[in-house]
Amino acid sequence: MSTARETSAKHPRKNDPEGLKQRIFASALAEFSEAGLKGARLERIAEQADTTKRMVVYHFKNKESLYIAVLEYAYAHIRQDEMALNLATLPPQAAMQRLIEANFDYHVAHPAFIRLVSLENMQRGQYARQSEKLKLLNASALQTLEDILQRVNSRNYSPPT
């Protein structure tokens, strides 16, 4: 008969809460982007994340909270990509072109993001409005555009000839 210590040595327990959250996010993003909030099932999310429904609920309370967290995660990811563009170092026209190209590239590379946003928009942003983090993330996107447009309107800018 094996002891608990021997059993745990044979099957070491993975204690990686951040890794688990990332797996849950990835699984939930796929599930929500395919089935929407109403059609998504925590059991499928847990199975794809290689965990239990109980652990998903432990980390996120309920399906709606997880959905909002996934929206925040998805928007944070695209905003990080936008910040990495260093648009302030480019002339306004080049900055706007780079931002648009990067957004198209992002959407091509992340079709689940498009589906997730489309499904949320069909709900008239019902869950996105509940998130202060999303308000800040979207404000940063608007600020990026405003900064570019202000540089266009500044007296120091001369359009390329």
N, C-alpha and C. Protein backbone atom coordinates (compact mmCIF):
# COMPACT_ATOMS: atom_id res chain seq x y z
N MET A 1 0.84 -1.18 0.00
CA MET A 1 0.00 0.00 0.00
C MET A 1 0.88 1.24 0.00
N SER A 2 0.58 2.21 -0.86
CA SER A 2 1.42 3.40 -0.94
C SER A 2 0.90 4.49 0.00
N THR A 3 1.83 5.28 0.48
CA THR A 3 1.47 6.38 1.36
C THR A 3 1.11 7.60 0.52
N ALA A 4 0.53 8.59 1.18
CA ALA A 4 0.17 9.82 0.47
C ALA A 4 1.41 10.49 -0.10
N ARG A 5 2.51 10.40 0.64
CA ARG A 5 3.75 11.02 0.18
C ARG A 5 4.26 10.33 -1.09
N GLU A 6 4.19 8.99 -1.13
CA GLU A 6 4.63 8.25 -2.32
C GLU A 6 3.71 8.56 -3.50
N THR A 7 2.41 8.64 -3.25
CA THR A 7 1.45 8.92 -4.31
C THR A 7 1.71 10.30 -4.90
N SER A 8 1.96 11.28 -4.03
CA SER A 8 2.19 12.63 -4.55
C SER A 8 3.51 12.71 -5.29
N ALA A 9 4.47 11.87 -4.94
CA ALA A 9 5.73 11.86 -5.68
C ALA A 9 5.54 11.27 -7.07
N LYS A 10 4.65 10.28 -7.18
CA LYS A 10 4.38 9.67 -8.48
C LYS A 10 3.61 10.63 -9.39
N HIS A 11 2.69 11.38 -8.82
CA HIS A 11 1.85 12.31 -9.57
C HIS A 11 1.95 13.69 -8.92
N PRO A 12 3.03 14.40 -9.19
CA PRO A 12 3.21 15.69 -8.52
C PRO A 12 2.08 16.66 -8.88
N ARG A 13 1.64 17.37 -7.88
CA ARG A 13 0.57 18.35 -8.09
C ARG A 13 1.18 19.62 -8.66
N LYS A 14 0.56 20.12 -9.70
CA LYS A 14 1.03 21.36 -10.30
C LYS A 14 0.38 22.51 -9.56
N ASN A 15 1.19 23.36 -8.96
CA ASN A 15 0.67 24.52 -8.26
C ASN A 15 1.11 25.76 -9.02
N ASP A 16 0.37 26.05 -10.06
CA ASP A 16 0.69 27.19 -10.92
C ASP A 16 -0.59 27.98 -11.17
N PRO A 17 -1.03 28.78 -10.18
CA PRO A 17 -2.30 29.48 -10.35
C PRO A 17 -2.33 30.42 -11.55
N GLU A 18 -1.23 31.08 -11.85
CA GLU A 18 -1.21 31.98 -13.02
C GLU A 18 -1.29 31.18 -14.32
N GLY A 19 -0.59 30.06 -14.37
CA GLY A 19 -0.68 29.20 -15.55
C GLY A 19 -2.09 28.66 -15.73
N LEU A 20 -2.72 28.30 -14.61
CA LEU A 20 -4.10 27.82 -14.66
C LEU A 20 -5.03 28.92 -15.17
N LYS A 21 -4.87 30.13 -14.66
CA LYS A 21 -5.71 31.24 -15.12
C LYS A 21 -5.53 31.48 -16.62
N GLN A 22 -4.30 31.40 -17.10
CA GLN A 22 -4.06 31.59 -18.53
C GLN A 22 -4.73 30.49 -19.35
N ARG A 23 -4.68 29.25 -18.86
CA ARG A 23 -5.36 28.16 -19.57
C ARG A 23 -6.87 28.36 -19.56
N ILE A 24 -7.40 28.81 -18.43
CA ILE A 24 -8.84 29.08 -18.35
C ILE A 24 -9.21 30.21 -19.31
N PHE A 25 -8.42 31.28 -19.34
CA PHE A 25 -8.68 32.39 -20.26
C PHE A 25 -8.69 31.91 -21.71
N ALA A 26 -7.68 31.15 -22.08
CA ALA A 26 -7.59 30.67 -23.47
C ALA A 26 -8.79 29.79 -23.81
N SER A 27 -9.13 28.90 -22.90
CA SER A 27 -10.27 28.01 -23.12
C SER A 27 -11.58 28.80 -23.15
N ALA A 28 -11.73 29.73 -22.24
CA ALA A 28 -12.96 30.53 -22.18
C ALA A 28 -13.09 31.43 -23.40
N LEU A 29 -11.99 31.99 -23.86
CA LEU A 29 -12.03 32.82 -25.06
C LEU A 29 -12.54 32.01 -26.24
N ALA A 30 -12.02 30.80 -26.39
CA ALA A 30 -12.48 29.92 -27.48
C ALA A 30 -13.95 29.57 -27.31
N GLU A 31 -14.34 29.21 -26.10
CA GLU A 31 -15.73 28.81 -25.84
C GLU A 31 -16.70 29.97 -26.03
N PHE A 32 -16.39 31.12 -25.46
CA PHE A 32 -17.29 32.27 -25.59
C PHE A 32 -17.35 32.78 -27.03
N SER A 33 -16.23 32.72 -27.73
CA SER A 33 -16.24 33.22 -29.12
C SER A 33 -16.99 32.28 -30.06
N GLU A 34 -17.11 31.02 -29.68
CA GLU A 34 -17.86 30.06 -30.50
C GLU A 34 -19.33 29.98 -30.10
N ALA A 35 -19.59 29.97 -28.81
CA ALA A 35 -20.95 29.70 -28.33
C ALA A 35 -21.65 30.92 -27.75
N GLY A 36 -20.92 32.01 -27.56
CA GLY A 36 -21.51 33.17 -26.90
C GLY A 36 -21.65 32.90 -25.41
N LEU A 37 -22.02 33.92 -24.69
CA LEU A 37 -22.17 33.77 -23.24
C LEU A 37 -23.25 32.76 -22.89
N LYS A 38 -24.38 32.86 -23.53
CA LYS A 38 -25.50 31.97 -23.19
C LYS A 38 -25.24 30.51 -23.56
N GLY A 39 -24.54 30.28 -24.64
CA GLY A 39 -24.29 28.91 -25.08
C GLY A 39 -23.04 28.28 -24.48
N ALA A 40 -22.19 29.09 -23.90
CA ALA A 40 -20.94 28.57 -23.31
C ALA A 40 -21.25 27.73 -22.07
N ARG A 41 -20.42 26.73 -21.85
CA ARG A 41 -20.58 25.85 -20.69
C ARG A 41 -19.27 25.82 -19.90
N LEU A 42 -19.39 26.03 -18.59
CA LEU A 42 -18.20 26.00 -17.74
C LEU A 42 -17.53 24.63 -17.77
N GLU A 43 -18.31 23.57 -17.95
CA GLU A 43 -17.74 22.23 -18.02
C GLU A 43 -16.78 22.11 -19.20
N ARG A 44 -17.17 22.65 -20.35
CA ARG A 44 -16.30 22.59 -21.54
C ARG A 44 -15.06 23.46 -21.33
N ILE A 45 -15.24 24.62 -20.72
CA ILE A 45 -14.10 25.50 -20.44
C ILE A 45 -13.11 24.78 -19.53
N ALA A 46 -13.62 24.17 -18.47
CA ALA A 46 -12.76 23.45 -17.53
C ALA A 46 -12.03 22.29 -18.21
N GLU A 47 -12.75 21.53 -19.01
CA GLU A 47 -12.14 20.39 -19.70
C GLU A 47 -11.00 20.85 -20.61
N GLN A 48 -11.24 21.90 -21.39
CA GLN A 48 -10.20 22.40 -22.30
C GLN A 48 -9.02 23.00 -21.54
N ALA A 49 -9.27 23.53 -20.35
CA ALA A 49 -8.20 24.12 -19.53
C ALA A 49 -7.51 23.08 -18.67
N ASP A 50 -7.93 21.82 -18.79
CA ASP A 50 -7.35 20.72 -18.01
C ASP A 50 -7.48 20.98 -16.51
N THR A 51 -8.70 21.36 -16.12
CA THR A 51 -9.00 21.59 -14.71
C THR A 51 -10.44 21.18 -14.46
N THR A 52 -10.97 21.57 -13.33
CA THR A 52 -12.35 21.23 -12.99
C THR A 52 -13.22 22.48 -13.01
N LYS A 53 -14.52 22.25 -13.15
CA LYS A 53 -15.47 23.37 -13.09
C LYS A 53 -15.34 24.08 -11.74
N ARG A 54 -15.10 23.30 -10.72
CA ARG A 54 -14.95 23.86 -9.37
C ARG A 54 -13.80 24.86 -9.31
N MET A 55 -12.69 24.56 -9.99
CA MET A 55 -11.55 25.48 -9.99
C MET A 55 -11.86 26.73 -10.81
N VAL A 56 -12.61 26.58 -11.88
CA VAL A 56 -13.01 27.75 -12.68
C VAL A 56 -13.86 28.67 -11.81
N VAL A 57 -14.83 28.10 -11.10
CA VAL A 57 -15.70 28.89 -10.23
C VAL A 57 -14.91 29.48 -9.07
N TYR A 58 -13.94 28.74 -8.55
CA TYR A 58 -13.10 29.25 -7.46
C TYR A 58 -12.38 30.53 -7.90
N HIS A 59 -11.85 30.53 -9.11
CA HIS A 59 -11.09 31.69 -9.60
C HIS A 59 -11.99 32.82 -10.11
N PHE A 60 -13.18 32.50 -10.63
CA PHE A 60 -13.96 33.52 -11.33
C PHE A 60 -15.40 33.69 -10.84
N LYS A 61 -15.80 32.95 -9.82
CA LYS A 61 -17.11 33.09 -9.19
C LYS A 61 -18.26 32.52 -10.02
N ASN A 62 -18.44 32.99 -11.25
CA ASN A 62 -19.53 32.49 -12.09
C ASN A 62 -19.21 32.74 -13.56
N LYS A 63 -20.08 32.27 -14.42
CA LYS A 63 -19.83 32.37 -15.87
C LYS A 63 -19.78 33.82 -16.33
N GLU A 64 -20.64 34.67 -15.79
CA GLU A 64 -20.67 36.07 -16.20
C GLU A 64 -19.39 36.79 -15.80
N SER A 65 -18.89 36.50 -14.60
CA SER A 65 -17.63 37.11 -14.16
C SER A 65 -16.47 36.65 -15.04
N LEU A 66 -16.48 35.38 -15.40
CA LEU A 66 -15.44 34.86 -16.29
C LEU A 66 -15.53 35.53 -17.65
N TYR A 67 -16.74 35.70 -18.16
CA TYR A 67 -16.95 36.34 -19.45
C TYR A 67 -16.40 37.77 -19.44
N ILE A 68 -16.69 38.52 -18.40
CA ILE A 68 -16.17 39.89 -18.29
C ILE A 68 -14.65 39.86 -18.21
N ALA A 69 -14.10 38.93 -17.44
CA ALA A 69 -12.64 38.82 -17.35
C ALA A 69 -12.02 38.49 -18.70
N VAL A 70 -12.69 37.65 -19.49
CA VAL A 70 -12.20 37.31 -20.83
C VAL A 70 -12.27 38.52 -21.74
N LEU A 71 -13.35 39.28 -21.67
CA LEU A 71 -13.44 40.52 -22.45
C LEU A 71 -12.27 41.45 -22.09
N GLU A 72 -12.02 41.61 -20.80
CA GLU A 72 -10.93 42.47 -20.35
C GLU A 72 -9.58 41.96 -20.85
N TYR A 73 -9.40 40.66 -20.76
CA TYR A 73 -8.15 40.04 -21.21
C TYR A 73 -7.96 40.25 -22.71
N ALA A 74 -9.01 40.03 -23.48
CA ALA A 74 -8.92 40.17 -24.94
C ALA A 74 -8.62 41.61 -25.34
N TYR A 75 -9.30 42.55 -24.73
CA TYR A 75 -9.05 43.96 -25.04
C TYR A 75 -7.67 44.41 -24.56
N ALA A 76 -7.25 43.92 -23.40
CA ALA A 76 -5.92 44.28 -22.90
C ALA A 76 -4.84 43.80 -23.87
N HIS A 77 -5.04 42.64 -24.45
CA HIS A 77 -4.07 42.07 -25.38
C HIS A 77 -3.91 42.95 -26.62
N ILE A 78 -5.01 43.39 -27.21
CA ILE A 78 -4.90 44.24 -28.41
C ILE A 78 -4.33 45.61 -28.04
N ARG A 79 -4.69 46.12 -26.87
CA ARG A 79 -4.15 47.43 -26.45
C ARG A 79 -2.65 47.35 -26.20
N GLN A 80 -2.17 46.23 -25.67
CA GLN A 80 -0.73 46.04 -25.48
C GLN A 80 -0.02 46.07 -26.82
N ASP A 81 -0.60 45.40 -27.80
CA ASP A 81 -0.01 45.42 -29.15
C ASP A 81 0.04 46.83 -29.71
N GLU A 82 -1.03 47.60 -29.48
CA GLU A 82 -1.06 48.99 -29.96
C GLU A 82 -0.01 49.84 -29.27
N MET A 83 0.16 49.65 -27.97
CA MET A 83 1.16 50.43 -27.23
C MET A 83 2.57 50.14 -27.73
N ALA A 84 2.81 48.91 -28.13
CA ALA A 84 4.14 48.51 -28.60
C ALA A 84 4.49 49.13 -29.94
N LEU A 85 3.53 49.75 -30.61
CA LEU A 85 3.79 50.34 -31.93
C LEU A 85 4.62 51.63 -31.84
N ASN A 86 4.69 52.24 -30.67
CA ASN A 86 5.44 53.50 -30.49
C ASN A 86 5.03 54.53 -31.53
N LEU A 87 3.76 54.78 -31.62
CA LEU A 87 3.22 55.68 -32.64
C LEU A 87 3.66 57.12 -32.45
N ALA A 88 3.99 57.51 -31.24
CA ALA A 88 4.41 58.90 -30.99
C ALA A 88 5.71 59.24 -31.70
N THR A 89 6.48 58.23 -32.06
CA THR A 89 7.76 58.49 -32.75
C THR A 89 7.58 58.65 -34.25
N LEU A 90 6.38 58.39 -34.76
CA LEU A 90 6.13 58.46 -36.20
C LEU A 90 5.40 59.75 -36.54
N PRO A 91 5.59 60.25 -37.77
CA PRO A 91 4.77 61.37 -38.22
C PRO A 91 3.30 60.96 -38.18
N PRO A 92 2.38 61.91 -38.01
CA PRO A 92 0.97 61.57 -37.82
C PRO A 92 0.38 60.66 -38.90
N GLN A 93 0.66 60.95 -40.16
CA GLN A 93 0.09 60.13 -41.23
C GLN A 93 0.62 58.70 -41.15
N ALA A 94 1.91 58.56 -40.90
CA ALA A 94 2.51 57.23 -40.78
C ALA A 94 1.99 56.52 -39.53
N ALA A 95 1.78 57.28 -38.45
CA ALA A 95 1.26 56.69 -37.21
C ALA A 95 -0.15 56.14 -37.43
N MET A 96 -0.99 56.92 -38.10
CA MET A 96 -2.36 56.47 -38.35
C MET A 96 -2.35 55.24 -39.26
N GLN A 97 -1.52 55.28 -40.29
CA GLN A 97 -1.43 54.14 -41.20
C GLN A 97 -0.95 52.90 -40.46
N ARG A 98 0.05 53.06 -39.62
CA ARG A 98 0.60 51.93 -38.86
C ARG A 98 -0.45 51.36 -37.90
N LEU A 99 -1.20 52.24 -37.25
CA LEU A 99 -2.24 51.80 -36.32
C LEU A 99 -3.32 51.00 -37.05
N ILE A 100 -3.75 51.50 -38.19
CA ILE A 100 -4.79 50.80 -38.97
C ILE A 100 -4.27 49.46 -39.46
N GLU A 101 -3.06 49.44 -40.00
CA GLU A 101 -2.48 48.17 -40.49
C GLU A 101 -2.34 47.17 -39.35
N ALA A 102 -1.86 47.64 -38.21
CA ALA A 102 -1.67 46.75 -37.07
C ALA A 102 -3.00 46.17 -36.59
N ASN A 103 -4.05 46.99 -36.61
CA ASN A 103 -5.37 46.50 -36.20
C ASN A 103 -5.90 45.46 -37.18
N PHE A 104 -5.73 45.70 -38.47
CA PHE A 104 -6.15 44.68 -39.44
C PHE A 104 -5.36 43.40 -39.24
N ASP A 105 -4.06 43.51 -39.07
CA ASP A 105 -3.22 42.33 -38.85
C ASP A 105 -3.66 41.58 -37.58
N TYR A 106 -3.95 42.33 -36.52
CA TYR A 106 -4.38 41.72 -35.27
C TYR A 106 -5.68 40.94 -35.47
N HIS A 107 -6.62 41.55 -36.16
CA HIS A 107 -7.91 40.89 -36.38
C HIS A 107 -7.76 39.64 -37.24
N VAL A 108 -6.88 39.68 -38.21
CA VAL A 108 -6.64 38.49 -39.04
C VAL A 108 -6.02 37.38 -38.18
N ALA A 109 -5.08 37.75 -37.32
CA ALA A 109 -4.38 36.76 -36.50
C ALA A 109 -5.23 36.26 -35.32
N HIS A 110 -6.26 36.99 -34.94
CA HIS A 110 -7.07 36.63 -33.77
C HIS A 110 -8.57 36.64 -34.11
N PRO A 111 -9.03 35.71 -34.93
CA PRO A 111 -10.45 35.70 -35.30
C PRO A 111 -11.38 35.50 -34.10
N ALA A 112 -10.91 34.86 -33.05
CA ALA A 112 -11.75 34.68 -31.87
C ALA A 112 -12.07 36.04 -31.23
N PHE A 113 -11.13 36.97 -31.32
CA PHE A 113 -11.37 38.32 -30.79
C PHE A 113 -12.53 38.98 -31.54
N ILE A 114 -12.52 38.86 -32.86
CA ILE A 114 -13.58 39.46 -33.67
C ILE A 114 -14.94 38.86 -33.29
N ARG A 115 -14.98 37.54 -33.17
CA ARG A 115 -16.25 36.88 -32.82
C ARG A 115 -16.72 37.31 -31.43
N LEU A 116 -15.79 37.35 -30.48
CA LEU A 116 -16.14 37.72 -29.11
C LEU A 116 -16.71 39.14 -29.07
N VAL A 117 -16.04 40.07 -29.73
CA VAL A 117 -16.50 41.46 -29.75
C VAL A 117 -17.84 41.57 -30.47
N SER A 118 -17.98 40.86 -31.57
CA SER A 118 -19.25 40.89 -32.31
C SER A 118 -20.40 40.37 -31.46
N LEU A 119 -20.17 39.27 -30.76
CA LEU A 119 -21.22 38.72 -29.90
C LEU A 119 -21.58 39.68 -28.77
N GLU A 120 -20.58 40.31 -28.19
CA GLU A 120 -20.84 41.30 -27.13
C GLU A 120 -21.58 42.50 -27.69
N ASN A 121 -21.22 42.94 -28.88
CA ASN A 121 -21.91 44.07 -29.51
C ASN A 121 -23.37 43.74 -29.80
N MET A 122 -23.64 42.48 -30.14
CA MET A 122 -25.02 42.07 -30.38
C MET A 122 -25.85 42.14 -29.10
N GLN A 123 -25.17 42.09 -27.96
CA GLN A 123 -25.84 42.25 -26.66
C GLN A 123 -25.80 43.71 -26.21
N ARG A 124 -25.44 44.59 -27.15
CA ARG A 124 -25.35 46.03 -26.91
C ARG A 124 -24.38 46.39 -25.80
N GLY A 125 -23.31 45.61 -25.69
CA GLY A 125 -22.27 45.89 -24.71
C GLY A 125 -22.71 45.71 -23.27
N GLN A 126 -23.71 44.88 -23.07
CA GLN A 126 -24.29 44.68 -21.74
C GLN A 126 -23.24 44.35 -20.68
N TYR A 127 -22.32 43.47 -21.00
CA TYR A 127 -21.32 43.06 -20.01
C TYR A 127 -20.08 43.94 -20.06
N ALA A 128 -19.74 44.44 -21.21
CA ALA A 128 -18.58 45.34 -21.32
C ALA A 128 -18.81 46.60 -20.48
N ARG A 129 -20.03 47.09 -20.45
CA ARG A 129 -20.35 48.30 -19.67
C ARG A 129 -20.14 48.09 -18.17
N GLN A 130 -20.15 46.85 -17.72
CA GLN A 130 -19.99 46.57 -16.30
C GLN A 130 -18.54 46.63 -15.84
N SER A 131 -17.62 46.74 -16.77
CA SER A 131 -16.20 46.67 -16.45
C SER A 131 -15.52 48.04 -16.49
N GLU A 132 -15.03 48.47 -15.36
CA GLU A 132 -14.25 49.72 -15.31
C GLU A 132 -12.94 49.56 -16.07
N LYS A 133 -12.38 48.37 -16.01
CA LYS A 133 -11.12 48.11 -16.72
C LYS A 133 -11.30 48.30 -18.23
N LEU A 134 -12.41 47.82 -18.77
CA LEU A 134 -12.66 47.98 -20.20
C LEU A 134 -12.85 49.45 -20.57
N LYS A 135 -13.47 50.21 -19.70
CA LYS A 135 -13.62 51.64 -19.95
C LYS A 135 -12.25 52.30 -20.06
N LEU A 136 -11.34 51.94 -19.18
CA LEU A 136 -9.99 52.50 -19.23
C LEU A 136 -9.23 52.04 -20.47
N LEU A 137 -9.37 50.77 -20.81
CA LEU A 137 -8.68 50.24 -21.99
C LEU A 137 -9.18 50.93 -23.26
N ASN A 138 -10.48 51.12 -23.36
CA ASN A 138 -11.02 51.78 -24.55
C ASN A 138 -10.69 53.26 -24.55
N ALA A 139 -10.60 53.87 -23.38
CA ALA A 139 -10.19 55.27 -23.31
C ALA A 139 -8.76 55.43 -23.82
N SER A 140 -7.91 54.44 -23.55
CA SER A 140 -6.52 54.53 -24.03
C SER A 140 -6.47 54.45 -25.55
N ALA A 141 -7.36 53.67 -26.15
CA ALA A 141 -7.41 53.59 -27.61
C ALA A 141 -7.86 54.92 -28.19
N LEU A 142 -8.85 55.52 -27.58
CA LEU A 142 -9.32 56.83 -28.04
C LEU A 142 -8.25 57.90 -27.84
N GLN A 143 -7.50 57.80 -26.75
CA GLN A 143 -6.43 58.76 -26.50
C GLN A 143 -5.34 58.64 -27.56
N THR A 144 -5.04 57.44 -27.97
CA THR A 144 -4.05 57.23 -29.04
C THR A 144 -4.48 57.94 -30.31
N LEU A 145 -5.74 57.77 -30.69
CA LEU A 145 -6.26 58.44 -31.88
C LEU A 145 -6.25 59.96 -31.70
N GLU A 146 -6.65 60.40 -30.54
CA GLU A 146 -6.67 61.85 -30.27
C GLU A 146 -5.27 62.45 -30.36
N ASP A 147 -4.29 61.74 -29.83
CA ASP A 147 -2.90 62.23 -29.89
C ASP A 147 -2.44 62.38 -31.34
N ILE A 148 -2.76 61.41 -32.16
CA ILE A 148 -2.36 61.47 -33.58
C ILE A 148 -3.06 62.65 -34.25
N LEU A 149 -4.34 62.79 -34.02
CA LEU A 149 -5.10 63.88 -34.66
C LEU A 149 -4.65 65.25 -34.16
N GLN A 150 -4.29 65.36 -32.91
CA GLN A 150 -3.78 66.64 -32.40
C GLN A 150 -2.46 67.00 -33.06
N ARG A 151 -1.64 66.01 -33.33
CA ARG A 151 -0.38 66.30 -34.02
C ARG A 151 -0.64 66.76 -35.45
N VAL A 152 -1.68 66.23 -36.07
CA VAL A 152 -2.05 66.68 -37.42
C VAL A 152 -2.45 68.15 -37.38
N ASN A 153 -3.18 68.53 -36.35
CA ASN A 153 -3.68 69.90 -36.23
C ASN A 153 -2.66 70.88 -35.68
N SER A 154 -1.55 70.37 -35.19
CA SER A 154 -0.55 71.28 -34.62
C SER A 154 0.12 72.10 -35.71
N ARG A 155 0.64 73.22 -35.33
CA ARG A 155 1.30 74.11 -36.30
C ARG A 155 2.62 73.54 -36.78
N ASN A 156 3.15 72.60 -36.06
CA ASN A 156 4.46 72.05 -36.41
C ASN A 156 4.38 70.96 -37.47
N TYR A 157 3.19 70.58 -37.84
CA TYR A 157 3.07 69.47 -38.78
C TYR A 157 2.88 69.98 -40.19
N SER A 158 3.70 69.45 -41.06
CA SER A 158 3.56 69.72 -42.50
C SER A 158 3.33 68.39 -43.19
N PRO A 159 2.21 68.25 -43.89
CA PRO A 159 1.96 66.98 -44.56
C PRO A 159 3.01 66.70 -45.62
N PRO A 160 3.29 65.41 -45.86
CA PRO A 160 4.27 65.08 -46.89
C PRO A 160 3.77 65.56 -48.25
N THR A 161 4.70 65.96 -49.08
CA THR A 161 4.33 66.45 -50.43
C THR A 161 4.52 65.38 -51.46
